[in-house]
N, C-alpha and C. Protein backbone atom coordinates (compact mmCIF):
# COMPACT_ATOMS: atom_id res chain seq x y z
N MET A 1 103.06 38.31 104.85
CA MET A 1 103.40 38.78 106.21
C MET A 1 103.90 37.61 107.07
N PHE A 2 103.13 36.50 107.05
CA PHE A 2 103.52 35.33 107.84
C PHE A 2 104.87 34.78 107.36
N LYS A 3 105.05 34.76 106.04
CA LYS A 3 106.30 34.25 105.47
C LYS A 3 107.49 35.09 105.92
N GLY A 4 107.29 36.42 105.93
CA GLY A 4 108.37 37.31 106.36
C GLY A 4 108.73 37.10 107.81
N LEU A 5 107.72 36.92 108.65
CA LEU A 5 107.94 36.67 110.08
C LEU A 5 108.67 35.34 110.29
N LEU A 6 108.27 34.32 109.53
CA LEU A 6 108.89 33.01 109.64
C LEU A 6 110.37 33.07 109.27
N LEU A 7 110.68 33.82 108.22
CA LEU A 7 112.07 33.96 107.79
C LEU A 7 112.90 34.66 108.86
N LYS A 8 112.31 35.65 109.53
CA LYS A 8 113.04 36.34 110.60
C LYS A 8 113.31 35.41 111.78
N ILE A 9 112.33 34.57 112.11
CA ILE A 9 112.49 33.61 113.21
C ILE A 9 113.57 32.59 112.88
N LEU A 10 113.53 32.08 111.65
CA LEU A 10 114.54 31.11 111.22
C LEU A 10 115.93 31.73 111.20
N ASP A 11 115.97 33.02 110.83
CA ASP A 11 117.26 33.71 110.81
C ASP A 11 117.85 33.82 112.20
N LEU A 12 116.98 34.03 113.19
CA LEU A 12 117.44 34.12 114.58
C LEU A 12 117.90 32.77 115.10
N ILE A 13 117.15 31.72 114.73
CA ILE A 13 117.47 30.37 115.22
C ILE A 13 118.77 29.86 114.59
N TYR A 14 118.88 30.06 113.27
CA TYR A 14 120.01 29.49 112.54
C TYR A 14 121.05 30.54 112.16
N LYS A 15 121.16 31.57 112.98
CA LYS A 15 122.14 32.62 112.72
C LYS A 15 123.53 32.00 112.57
N LYS A 16 124.23 32.45 111.55
CA LYS A 16 125.55 31.89 111.29
C LYS A 16 126.52 32.20 112.42
N LYS A 17 127.35 31.24 112.70
CA LYS A 17 128.40 31.43 113.69
C LYS A 17 129.76 31.30 113.01
N CYS A 18 130.74 31.99 113.56
CA CYS A 18 132.10 31.90 113.03
C CYS A 18 132.59 30.46 113.17
N ILE A 19 133.11 29.92 112.12
CA ILE A 19 133.55 28.52 112.12
C ILE A 19 134.77 28.32 113.01
N VAL A 20 135.51 29.40 113.27
CA VAL A 20 136.74 29.29 114.07
C VAL A 20 136.47 29.48 115.56
N CYS A 21 135.82 30.60 115.93
CA CYS A 21 135.64 30.92 117.35
C CYS A 21 134.21 30.70 117.85
N SER A 22 133.29 30.39 116.93
CA SER A 22 131.88 30.10 117.25
C SER A 22 131.09 31.31 117.73
N CYS A 23 131.61 32.50 117.59
CA CYS A 23 130.83 33.68 117.98
C CYS A 23 129.72 33.90 116.95
N ALA A 24 128.62 34.47 117.38
CA ALA A 24 127.46 34.68 116.51
C ALA A 24 127.37 36.11 116.00
N LYS A 25 128.42 36.88 116.20
CA LYS A 25 128.43 38.28 115.76
C LYS A 25 128.90 38.39 114.31
N THR A 26 128.28 37.63 113.45
CA THR A 26 128.68 37.62 112.05
C THR A 26 127.55 37.14 111.17
N ASP A 27 127.57 37.57 109.93
CA ASP A 27 126.62 37.07 108.94
C ASP A 27 127.33 36.12 107.99
N ASP A 28 128.54 35.75 108.36
CA ASP A 28 129.33 34.87 107.52
C ASP A 28 129.93 33.78 108.39
N LEU A 29 130.67 32.87 107.75
CA LEU A 29 131.27 31.76 108.49
C LEU A 29 132.61 32.13 109.11
N LEU A 30 133.06 33.36 108.86
CA LEU A 30 134.31 33.82 109.45
C LEU A 30 134.11 35.24 109.97
N CYS A 31 134.25 35.40 111.28
CA CYS A 31 134.02 36.72 111.88
C CYS A 31 135.19 37.66 111.56
N LYS A 32 134.95 38.95 111.78
CA LYS A 32 135.96 39.95 111.44
C LYS A 32 137.23 39.78 112.28
N ASN A 33 137.05 39.37 113.53
CA ASN A 33 138.19 39.21 114.42
C ASN A 33 139.11 38.08 113.94
N CYS A 34 138.51 36.95 113.56
CA CYS A 34 139.31 35.82 113.08
C CYS A 34 139.88 36.11 111.69
N ALA A 35 139.14 36.89 110.90
CA ALA A 35 139.60 37.24 109.56
C ALA A 35 140.87 38.09 109.61
N LYS A 36 141.04 38.83 110.71
CA LYS A 36 142.24 39.66 110.86
C LYS A 36 143.52 38.82 110.90
N ASP A 37 143.38 37.57 111.30
CA ASP A 37 144.55 36.69 111.41
C ASP A 37 144.95 36.10 110.05
N VAL A 38 144.10 36.29 109.04
CA VAL A 38 144.41 35.77 107.71
C VAL A 38 145.38 36.72 107.03
N ASN A 39 146.57 36.21 106.75
CA ASN A 39 147.63 37.02 106.15
C ASN A 39 147.81 36.62 104.69
N PHE A 40 147.26 37.42 103.77
CA PHE A 40 147.39 37.12 102.34
C PHE A 40 148.81 37.41 101.87
N LEU A 41 149.28 36.58 100.98
CA LEU A 41 150.63 36.73 100.42
C LEU A 41 150.60 37.57 99.14
N SER A 42 151.77 37.88 98.62
CA SER A 42 151.89 38.71 97.42
C SER A 42 151.37 37.98 96.19
N GLY A 43 151.08 38.74 95.16
CA GLY A 43 150.55 38.18 93.93
C GLY A 43 151.60 37.73 92.95
N PHE A 44 152.74 37.32 93.47
CA PHE A 44 153.82 36.79 92.63
C PHE A 44 154.02 35.31 92.94
N PRO A 45 154.51 34.54 91.97
CA PRO A 45 154.78 33.13 92.26
C PRO A 45 155.76 33.01 93.44
N HIS A 46 155.45 32.15 94.37
CA HIS A 46 156.31 31.96 95.53
C HIS A 46 157.32 30.85 95.29
N LYS A 47 157.13 30.18 94.16
CA LYS A 47 158.07 29.15 93.76
C LYS A 47 157.86 28.86 92.27
N ILE A 48 158.94 28.54 91.59
CA ILE A 48 158.86 28.09 90.20
C ILE A 48 159.45 26.69 90.16
N TYR A 49 158.68 25.74 89.66
CA TYR A 49 159.16 24.37 89.57
C TYR A 49 158.97 23.87 88.13
N ASN A 50 160.08 23.54 87.47
CA ASN A 50 160.01 23.10 86.08
C ASN A 50 159.20 24.06 85.20
N SER A 51 159.46 25.33 85.40
CA SER A 51 158.80 26.42 84.65
C SER A 51 157.33 26.61 85.03
N ILE A 52 156.86 25.91 86.05
CA ILE A 52 155.47 26.03 86.50
C ILE A 52 155.41 26.98 87.70
N PRO A 53 154.61 28.06 87.60
CA PRO A 53 154.49 28.97 88.75
C PRO A 53 153.61 28.37 89.85
N ILE A 54 154.07 28.51 91.07
CA ILE A 54 153.31 28.03 92.23
C ILE A 54 153.03 29.23 93.14
N TYR A 55 151.76 29.57 93.26
CA TYR A 55 151.32 30.66 94.11
C TYR A 55 150.75 30.09 95.41
N SER A 56 150.75 30.91 96.44
CA SER A 56 150.07 30.55 97.69
C SER A 56 149.28 31.75 98.17
N ALA A 57 148.03 31.52 98.54
CA ALA A 57 147.14 32.62 98.89
C ALA A 57 147.44 33.22 100.26
N CYS A 58 147.62 32.36 101.27
CA CYS A 58 147.73 32.84 102.65
C CYS A 58 148.89 32.16 103.38
N VAL A 59 149.32 32.81 104.43
CA VAL A 59 150.27 32.18 105.35
C VAL A 59 149.49 31.17 106.21
N TYR A 60 150.12 30.05 106.49
CA TYR A 60 149.50 28.98 107.28
C TYR A 60 149.51 29.39 108.76
N THR A 61 148.65 30.38 109.07
CA THR A 61 148.59 30.91 110.43
C THR A 61 147.48 30.21 111.23
N THR A 62 147.25 30.68 112.44
CA THR A 62 146.30 30.03 113.35
C THR A 62 144.93 29.84 112.72
N THR A 63 144.35 30.92 112.17
CA THR A 63 143.00 30.84 111.63
C THR A 63 142.93 29.91 110.43
N VAL A 64 143.81 30.10 109.47
CA VAL A 64 143.80 29.26 108.25
C VAL A 64 144.08 27.80 108.61
N LYS A 65 145.02 27.59 109.49
CA LYS A 65 145.35 26.23 109.94
C LYS A 65 144.13 25.57 110.59
N THR A 66 143.42 26.33 111.43
CA THR A 66 142.23 25.80 112.10
C THR A 66 141.16 25.42 111.10
N ILE A 67 140.93 26.27 110.11
CA ILE A 67 139.88 26.00 109.11
C ILE A 67 140.21 24.75 108.30
N ILE A 68 141.47 24.62 107.90
CA ILE A 68 141.90 23.43 107.15
C ILE A 68 141.73 22.17 107.99
N HIS A 69 142.11 22.25 109.25
CA HIS A 69 141.98 21.09 110.14
C HIS A 69 140.52 20.73 110.40
N LEU A 70 139.67 21.75 110.50
CA LEU A 70 138.24 21.49 110.69
C LEU A 70 137.66 20.71 109.51
N LEU A 71 138.12 21.05 108.31
CA LEU A 71 137.64 20.36 107.11
C LEU A 71 138.21 18.95 107.01
N LYS A 72 139.49 18.81 107.28
CA LYS A 72 140.16 17.52 107.07
C LYS A 72 139.93 16.52 108.19
N PHE A 73 139.81 17.01 109.41
CA PHE A 73 139.80 16.10 110.55
C PHE A 73 138.56 16.17 111.44
N SER A 74 137.73 17.19 111.28
CA SER A 74 136.58 17.34 112.17
C SER A 74 135.24 17.31 111.44
N HIS A 75 135.26 16.91 110.18
CA HIS A 75 134.03 16.75 109.40
C HIS A 75 133.20 18.03 109.29
N LYS A 76 133.85 19.18 109.36
CA LYS A 76 133.17 20.46 109.19
C LYS A 76 133.22 20.85 107.71
N LYS A 77 132.27 20.31 106.96
CA LYS A 77 132.28 20.52 105.52
C LYS A 77 132.12 21.98 105.13
N GLN A 78 131.45 22.76 105.98
CA GLN A 78 131.24 24.16 105.66
C GLN A 78 132.55 24.94 105.63
N ALA A 79 133.60 24.35 106.22
CA ALA A 79 134.92 24.99 106.16
C ALA A 79 135.41 25.12 104.72
N SER A 80 134.93 24.25 103.84
CA SER A 80 135.32 24.32 102.43
C SER A 80 134.84 25.63 101.80
N LEU A 81 133.72 26.16 102.27
CA LEU A 81 133.20 27.43 101.76
C LEU A 81 134.16 28.57 102.07
N VAL A 82 134.68 28.58 103.29
CA VAL A 82 135.61 29.63 103.72
C VAL A 82 136.92 29.52 102.96
N LEU A 83 137.44 28.31 102.84
CA LEU A 83 138.71 28.11 102.14
C LEU A 83 138.60 28.48 100.66
N ALA A 84 137.49 28.12 100.06
CA ALA A 84 137.27 28.47 98.65
C ALA A 84 137.19 29.98 98.47
N GLN A 85 136.56 30.66 99.43
CA GLN A 85 136.45 32.11 99.37
C GLN A 85 137.80 32.77 99.50
N LEU A 86 138.63 32.29 100.43
CA LEU A 86 139.99 32.83 100.59
C LEU A 86 140.79 32.64 99.31
N LEU A 87 140.67 31.46 98.73
CA LEU A 87 141.39 31.15 97.50
C LEU A 87 140.91 32.05 96.36
N PHE A 88 139.61 32.26 96.28
CA PHE A 88 139.04 33.08 95.22
C PHE A 88 139.45 34.54 95.35
N GLU A 89 139.46 35.06 96.59
CA GLU A 89 139.87 36.44 96.81
C GLU A 89 141.30 36.66 96.31
N TYR A 90 142.15 35.70 96.57
CA TYR A 90 143.54 35.80 96.11
C TYR A 90 143.61 35.62 94.59
N PHE A 91 142.88 34.66 94.06
CA PHE A 91 142.89 34.38 92.63
C PHE A 91 142.49 35.61 91.82
N LYS A 92 141.52 36.37 92.31
CA LYS A 92 141.07 37.58 91.60
C LYS A 92 142.20 38.60 91.48
N LYS A 93 143.03 38.70 92.49
CA LYS A 93 144.13 39.66 92.49
C LYS A 93 145.21 39.31 91.46
N LEU A 94 145.31 38.04 91.12
CA LEU A 94 146.34 37.60 90.17
C LEU A 94 146.01 38.03 88.74
N LYS A 95 144.72 38.20 88.47
CA LYS A 95 144.27 38.62 87.13
C LYS A 95 144.83 37.72 86.03
N LEU A 96 144.74 36.43 86.27
CA LEU A 96 145.14 35.45 85.26
C LEU A 96 143.95 35.27 84.31
N ASN A 97 144.17 35.50 83.05
CA ASN A 97 143.06 35.54 82.11
C ASN A 97 142.77 34.23 81.39
N ASN A 98 143.47 33.17 81.74
CA ASN A 98 143.23 31.88 81.10
C ASN A 98 141.90 31.28 81.52
N ASP A 99 141.29 30.57 80.60
CA ASP A 99 140.05 29.84 80.89
C ASP A 99 140.44 28.47 81.46
N PHE A 100 140.84 28.49 82.73
CA PHE A 100 141.41 27.31 83.37
C PHE A 100 140.38 26.19 83.58
N ILE A 101 140.92 24.99 83.66
CA ILE A 101 140.17 23.85 84.20
C ILE A 101 140.80 23.52 85.54
N ILE A 102 139.98 23.44 86.57
CA ILE A 102 140.46 23.21 87.93
C ILE A 102 140.65 21.72 88.18
N VAL A 103 141.81 21.36 88.72
CA VAL A 103 142.05 20.00 89.19
C VAL A 103 142.70 20.08 90.57
N TYR A 104 142.72 18.97 91.26
CA TYR A 104 143.27 18.95 92.62
C TYR A 104 143.81 17.55 92.91
N PRO A 105 144.81 17.42 93.79
CA PRO A 105 145.29 16.08 94.18
C PRO A 105 144.21 15.35 94.96
N GLY A 106 143.86 14.17 94.51
CA GLY A 106 142.84 13.38 95.20
C GLY A 106 143.34 12.80 96.51
N SER A 107 142.43 12.30 97.30
CA SER A 107 142.77 11.62 98.56
C SER A 107 142.87 10.11 98.31
N PHE A 108 143.65 9.45 99.11
CA PHE A 108 143.76 7.99 99.04
C PHE A 108 142.38 7.39 99.37
N TYR A 109 142.03 6.31 98.70
CA TYR A 109 140.66 5.79 98.81
C TYR A 109 140.27 5.43 100.25
N LEU A 110 141.21 4.93 101.05
CA LEU A 110 140.89 4.60 102.44
C LEU A 110 140.63 5.86 103.27
N THR A 111 141.41 6.90 102.99
CA THR A 111 141.21 8.18 103.67
C THR A 111 139.85 8.75 103.33
N LYS A 112 139.50 8.69 102.05
CA LYS A 112 138.20 9.20 101.59
C LYS A 112 137.06 8.39 102.22
N TRP A 113 137.25 7.09 102.33
CA TRP A 113 136.22 6.22 102.90
C TRP A 113 136.04 6.51 104.40
N MET A 114 137.14 6.65 105.10
CA MET A 114 137.08 6.91 106.54
C MET A 114 136.51 8.30 106.85
N ARG A 115 136.88 9.27 106.03
CA ARG A 115 136.41 10.64 106.24
C ARG A 115 134.97 10.81 105.77
N GLY A 116 134.62 10.07 104.73
CA GLY A 116 133.29 10.17 104.17
C GLY A 116 133.18 11.16 103.02
N TYR A 117 134.26 11.82 102.71
CA TYR A 117 134.29 12.79 101.61
C TYR A 117 135.75 13.11 101.28
N GLU A 118 135.94 13.79 100.18
CA GLU A 118 137.27 14.21 99.74
C GLU A 118 137.37 15.72 99.94
N HIS A 119 138.22 16.16 100.85
CA HIS A 119 138.19 17.55 101.28
C HIS A 119 138.50 18.54 100.16
N MET A 120 139.47 18.22 99.29
CA MET A 120 139.80 19.16 98.22
C MET A 120 138.75 19.16 97.11
N TYR A 121 137.98 18.09 97.00
CA TYR A 121 136.86 18.10 96.07
C TYR A 121 135.84 19.16 96.50
N LEU A 122 135.57 19.23 97.79
CA LEU A 122 134.62 20.22 98.30
C LEU A 122 135.10 21.64 98.04
N VAL A 123 136.40 21.87 98.26
CA VAL A 123 136.97 23.20 98.01
C VAL A 123 136.91 23.53 96.52
N ALA A 124 137.31 22.57 95.68
CA ALA A 124 137.30 22.78 94.23
C ALA A 124 135.89 23.08 93.72
N LYS A 125 134.93 22.37 94.25
CA LYS A 125 133.53 22.57 93.85
C LYS A 125 133.05 23.99 94.17
N GLU A 126 133.37 24.46 95.39
CA GLU A 126 132.96 25.81 95.79
C GLU A 126 133.75 26.87 95.03
N PHE A 127 135.03 26.62 94.81
CA PHE A 127 135.86 27.56 94.07
C PHE A 127 135.38 27.67 92.62
N SER A 128 134.93 26.56 92.06
CA SER A 128 134.38 26.55 90.71
C SER A 128 133.14 27.43 90.62
N LYS A 129 132.29 27.36 91.64
CA LYS A 129 131.08 28.19 91.67
C LYS A 129 131.43 29.67 91.72
N LEU A 130 132.43 30.01 92.52
CA LEU A 130 132.82 31.41 92.69
C LEU A 130 133.50 31.97 91.45
N SER A 131 134.34 31.16 90.84
CA SER A 131 135.15 31.63 89.71
C SER A 131 134.49 31.44 88.35
N GLY A 132 133.54 30.52 88.29
CA GLY A 132 132.92 30.20 87.01
C GLY A 132 133.76 29.27 86.16
N LEU A 133 134.85 28.76 86.73
CA LEU A 133 135.73 27.85 86.00
C LEU A 133 135.26 26.41 86.14
N LYS A 134 135.46 25.63 85.12
CA LYS A 134 135.08 24.22 85.13
C LYS A 134 136.08 23.42 85.97
N PHE A 135 135.60 22.38 86.61
CA PHE A 135 136.53 21.50 87.32
C PHE A 135 136.15 20.04 87.08
N TYR A 136 137.16 19.19 87.21
CA TYR A 136 136.95 17.76 87.05
C TYR A 136 137.19 17.04 88.37
N LYS A 137 136.22 16.26 88.76
CA LYS A 137 136.35 15.43 89.95
C LYS A 137 137.21 14.21 89.62
N SER A 138 138.10 13.86 90.54
CA SER A 138 138.93 12.65 90.42
C SER A 138 139.79 12.64 89.17
N ALA A 139 140.30 13.81 88.78
CA ALA A 139 141.23 13.86 87.64
C ALA A 139 142.61 13.34 88.05
N ILE A 140 142.99 13.63 89.30
CA ILE A 140 144.29 13.19 89.82
C ILE A 140 144.04 12.24 90.98
N LEU A 141 144.40 11.00 90.79
CA LEU A 141 144.11 9.95 91.77
C LEU A 141 145.33 9.69 92.66
N LYS A 142 145.09 9.56 93.94
CA LYS A 142 146.16 9.19 94.86
C LYS A 142 146.13 7.68 95.03
N VAL A 143 147.17 7.02 94.58
CA VAL A 143 147.18 5.56 94.56
C VAL A 143 148.10 4.95 95.62
N LYS A 144 148.67 5.80 96.43
CA LYS A 144 149.60 5.32 97.46
C LYS A 144 149.36 6.09 98.75
N ASN A 145 149.16 5.38 99.84
CA ASN A 145 149.00 6.03 101.12
C ASN A 145 150.35 6.52 101.62
N ILE A 146 150.36 7.70 102.20
CA ILE A 146 151.63 8.33 102.57
C ILE A 146 151.70 8.55 104.07
N THR A 147 152.78 8.07 104.67
CA THR A 147 153.04 8.32 106.08
C THR A 147 153.69 9.69 106.21
N PRO A 148 153.19 10.56 107.08
CA PRO A 148 153.76 11.91 107.21
C PRO A 148 155.26 11.88 107.49
N GLN A 149 155.99 12.69 106.75
CA GLN A 149 157.43 12.85 106.94
C GLN A 149 157.71 14.33 107.13
N TYR A 150 158.74 14.65 107.90
CA TYR A 150 158.98 16.05 108.22
C TYR A 150 160.26 16.60 107.57
N LYS A 151 161.14 15.73 107.15
CA LYS A 151 162.33 16.17 106.44
C LYS A 151 162.03 16.21 104.95
N ALA A 152 162.48 17.29 104.28
CA ALA A 152 162.18 17.49 102.87
C ALA A 152 162.62 16.31 102.01
N LYS A 153 163.81 15.78 102.28
CA LYS A 153 164.33 14.66 101.51
C LYS A 153 163.43 13.44 101.64
N ASN A 154 162.97 13.16 102.85
CA ASN A 154 162.09 12.02 103.10
C ASN A 154 160.71 12.22 102.46
N ARG A 155 160.22 13.45 102.48
CA ARG A 155 158.90 13.74 101.90
C ARG A 155 158.91 13.50 100.40
N ARG A 156 159.97 13.90 99.73
CA ARG A 156 160.06 13.71 98.28
C ARG A 156 160.12 12.22 97.92
N LYS A 157 160.86 11.48 98.70
CA LYS A 157 160.93 10.04 98.48
C LYS A 157 159.59 9.38 98.77
N ASN A 158 158.91 9.88 99.77
CA ASN A 158 157.65 9.33 100.23
C ASN A 158 156.53 9.46 99.20
N VAL A 159 156.50 10.60 98.50
CA VAL A 159 155.40 10.87 97.56
C VAL A 159 155.67 10.36 96.14
N LEU A 160 156.86 9.82 95.92
CA LEU A 160 157.22 9.34 94.59
C LEU A 160 156.25 8.25 94.13
N GLY A 161 155.61 8.46 93.00
CA GLY A 161 154.67 7.48 92.46
C GLY A 161 153.33 7.43 93.18
N ALA A 162 153.03 8.45 93.99
CA ALA A 162 151.80 8.43 94.80
C ALA A 162 150.56 8.82 94.00
N TYR A 163 150.76 9.43 92.81
CA TYR A 163 149.61 9.94 92.06
C TYR A 163 149.58 9.39 90.63
N GLN A 164 148.37 9.29 90.11
CA GLN A 164 148.15 8.92 88.72
C GLN A 164 147.07 9.81 88.14
N ILE A 165 147.12 10.01 86.83
CA ILE A 165 146.09 10.79 86.16
C ILE A 165 144.99 9.84 85.69
N ASN A 166 143.76 10.22 85.94
CA ASN A 166 142.61 9.41 85.54
C ASN A 166 142.57 9.29 84.01
N LYS A 167 142.70 8.08 83.50
CA LYS A 167 142.75 7.84 82.05
C LYS A 167 141.47 8.29 81.34
N LYS A 168 140.36 8.31 82.08
CA LYS A 168 139.08 8.71 81.48
C LYS A 168 139.00 10.22 81.27
N ILE A 169 139.89 10.95 81.95
CA ILE A 169 139.81 12.41 81.93
C ILE A 169 140.98 13.05 81.19
N ILE A 170 142.08 12.34 81.07
CA ILE A 170 143.31 12.93 80.55
C ILE A 170 143.12 13.64 79.22
N ASN A 171 142.36 13.05 78.29
CA ASN A 171 142.17 13.68 76.98
C ASN A 171 141.32 14.95 77.05
N LYS A 172 140.57 15.11 78.14
CA LYS A 172 139.75 16.30 78.30
C LYS A 172 140.55 17.49 78.84
N ILE A 173 141.70 17.21 79.44
CA ILE A 173 142.49 18.28 80.05
C ILE A 173 143.87 18.46 79.43
N LYS A 174 144.27 17.53 78.58
CA LYS A 174 145.64 17.47 78.08
C LYS A 174 146.10 18.76 77.42
N ASP A 175 145.26 19.35 76.61
CA ASP A 175 145.64 20.54 75.85
C ASP A 175 145.01 21.81 76.40
N LYS A 176 144.55 21.76 77.65
CA LYS A 176 143.88 22.90 78.27
C LYS A 176 144.78 23.54 79.33
N PRO A 177 144.56 24.83 79.60
CA PRO A 177 145.27 25.44 80.74
C PRO A 177 144.70 24.91 82.05
N ILE A 178 145.57 24.40 82.87
CA ILE A 178 145.16 23.72 84.11
C ILE A 178 145.48 24.58 85.32
N LEU A 179 144.51 24.70 86.22
CA LEU A 179 144.74 25.34 87.51
C LEU A 179 144.73 24.25 88.57
N LEU A 180 145.91 23.93 89.06
CA LEU A 180 146.07 22.91 90.09
C LEU A 180 145.99 23.56 91.46
N ILE A 181 145.02 23.16 92.27
CA ILE A 181 144.87 23.75 93.60
C ILE A 181 145.10 22.69 94.68
N ASP A 182 145.59 23.15 95.83
CA ASP A 182 145.78 22.26 96.98
C ASP A 182 145.65 23.10 98.24
N ASP A 183 145.63 22.43 99.40
CA ASP A 183 145.39 23.16 100.64
C ASP A 183 146.62 23.84 101.22
N ILE A 184 147.77 23.15 101.20
CA ILE A 184 148.96 23.71 101.85
C ILE A 184 150.23 23.24 101.15
N ILE A 185 151.22 24.10 101.12
CA ILE A 185 152.54 23.72 100.63
C ILE A 185 153.54 23.93 101.76
N THR A 186 154.32 22.91 102.02
CA THR A 186 155.38 23.01 103.05
C THR A 186 156.74 22.91 102.35
N THR A 187 157.18 21.70 102.07
CA THR A 187 158.43 21.54 101.31
C THR A 187 158.18 21.63 99.81
N GLY A 188 156.95 21.43 99.39
CA GLY A 188 156.62 21.44 97.96
C GLY A 188 156.68 20.07 97.33
N ALA A 189 156.98 19.04 98.12
CA ALA A 189 157.15 17.70 97.57
C ALA A 189 155.89 17.17 96.89
N THR A 190 154.74 17.37 97.53
CA THR A 190 153.48 16.84 96.98
C THR A 190 153.11 17.52 95.68
N ILE A 191 153.10 18.86 95.69
CA ILE A 191 152.69 19.59 94.50
C ILE A 191 153.65 19.33 93.34
N GLU A 192 154.94 19.17 93.65
CA GLU A 192 155.93 18.89 92.60
C GLU A 192 155.72 17.50 92.01
N GLU A 193 155.37 16.54 92.84
CA GLU A 193 155.10 15.18 92.35
C GLU A 193 153.86 15.18 91.46
N VAL A 194 152.85 15.95 91.83
CA VAL A 194 151.64 16.04 91.01
C VAL A 194 151.96 16.70 89.67
N ILE A 195 152.78 17.75 89.69
CA ILE A 195 153.20 18.40 88.45
C ILE A 195 153.94 17.41 87.55
N ASN A 196 154.86 16.65 88.15
CA ASN A 196 155.61 15.64 87.38
C ASN A 196 154.66 14.62 86.75
N THR A 197 153.65 14.21 87.50
CA THR A 197 152.68 13.22 87.03
C THR A 197 151.88 13.77 85.86
N LEU A 198 151.45 15.03 85.97
CA LEU A 198 150.71 15.67 84.89
C LEU A 198 151.56 15.81 83.63
N LYS A 199 152.82 16.21 83.83
CA LYS A 199 153.71 16.41 82.68
C LYS A 199 154.00 15.11 81.95
N LYS A 200 154.10 14.02 82.70
CA LYS A 200 154.34 12.72 82.07
C LYS A 200 153.20 12.32 81.15
N GLU A 201 152.02 12.84 81.42
CA GLU A 201 150.84 12.54 80.60
C GLU A 201 150.61 13.60 79.52
N GLY A 202 151.59 14.51 79.37
CA GLY A 202 151.51 15.49 78.31
C GLY A 202 150.81 16.79 78.66
N VAL A 203 150.47 16.96 79.94
CA VAL A 203 149.85 18.21 80.39
C VAL A 203 150.96 19.19 80.75
N SER A 204 151.02 20.30 80.05
CA SER A 204 152.16 21.21 80.26
C SER A 204 151.76 22.62 80.68
N ASN A 205 150.54 23.04 80.33
CA ASN A 205 150.10 24.39 80.66
C ASN A 205 149.45 24.39 82.04
N ILE A 206 150.30 24.50 83.06
CA ILE A 206 149.85 24.33 84.45
C ILE A 206 150.17 25.57 85.27
N THR A 207 149.22 25.99 86.07
CA THR A 207 149.43 27.02 87.09
C THR A 207 148.95 26.44 88.42
N CYS A 208 149.74 26.62 89.46
CA CYS A 208 149.39 26.04 90.77
C CYS A 208 149.09 27.15 91.79
N ILE A 209 148.05 26.93 92.56
CA ILE A 209 147.76 27.82 93.69
C ILE A 209 147.38 26.97 94.90
N THR A 210 148.08 27.18 96.00
CA THR A 210 147.69 26.52 97.25
C THR A 210 146.97 27.54 98.13
N ILE A 211 146.10 27.06 98.97
CA ILE A 211 145.38 27.95 99.88
C ILE A 211 146.34 28.60 100.85
N SER A 212 147.33 27.82 101.31
CA SER A 212 148.24 28.33 102.32
C SER A 212 149.66 27.85 102.11
N LYS A 213 150.56 28.54 102.76
CA LYS A 213 151.98 28.19 102.70
C LYS A 213 152.56 28.23 104.11
N ALA A 214 153.22 27.16 104.48
CA ALA A 214 153.87 27.11 105.79
C ALA A 214 155.18 27.89 105.70
N ILE A 215 155.30 28.88 106.56
CA ILE A 215 156.49 29.73 106.57
C ILE A 215 157.18 29.62 107.92
N LYS A 216 158.46 29.31 107.91
CA LYS A 216 159.22 29.20 109.14
C LYS A 216 159.43 30.60 109.72
N MET A 217 159.12 30.72 111.00
CA MET A 217 159.27 32.03 111.67
C MET A 217 160.61 32.11 112.37
């Protein structure tokens, strides 16, 4: 009896709030009102690069953009739970039957040090729990810090040589179906550079899914 009462009190004190608008009218980290702003995309590849399909789960709208920014810039680690859930909901609709190994583009070591964590590692970890798929931490290393560029031509030049495959892991993923995940695709320069890096190391069975896609209105 006492235990049940204590749990009810704790539930009232620590009631979940929406990560976007902070309202407490929810039992989850994303309220129904903010969830309405999440616009899922079709279950077809939104881009094909070197025979590799690239899917995107959601449009980079206000809610999705806010959640990504909270994770990357505001130290809201719980945002990774929401992003992983959005990614998983979309992944289920694709009905891809491969026993994938999840990998993700790593963060530059200074960025990781300043932030205190690697944001896509947190998403990959939660997505792995939801999907039951195995993932490798630090499989794709970012070895070059990148200054943001807004023109597609400059972005491609900027990311050239920015990634390397972890030599300790390459033999574990080389002949496996790989699910490459990332947070956002704009010009596609980053994801394409990562694909090129994987292919140079002999990894060819790759499927890419980003959480969001920036779409010009």
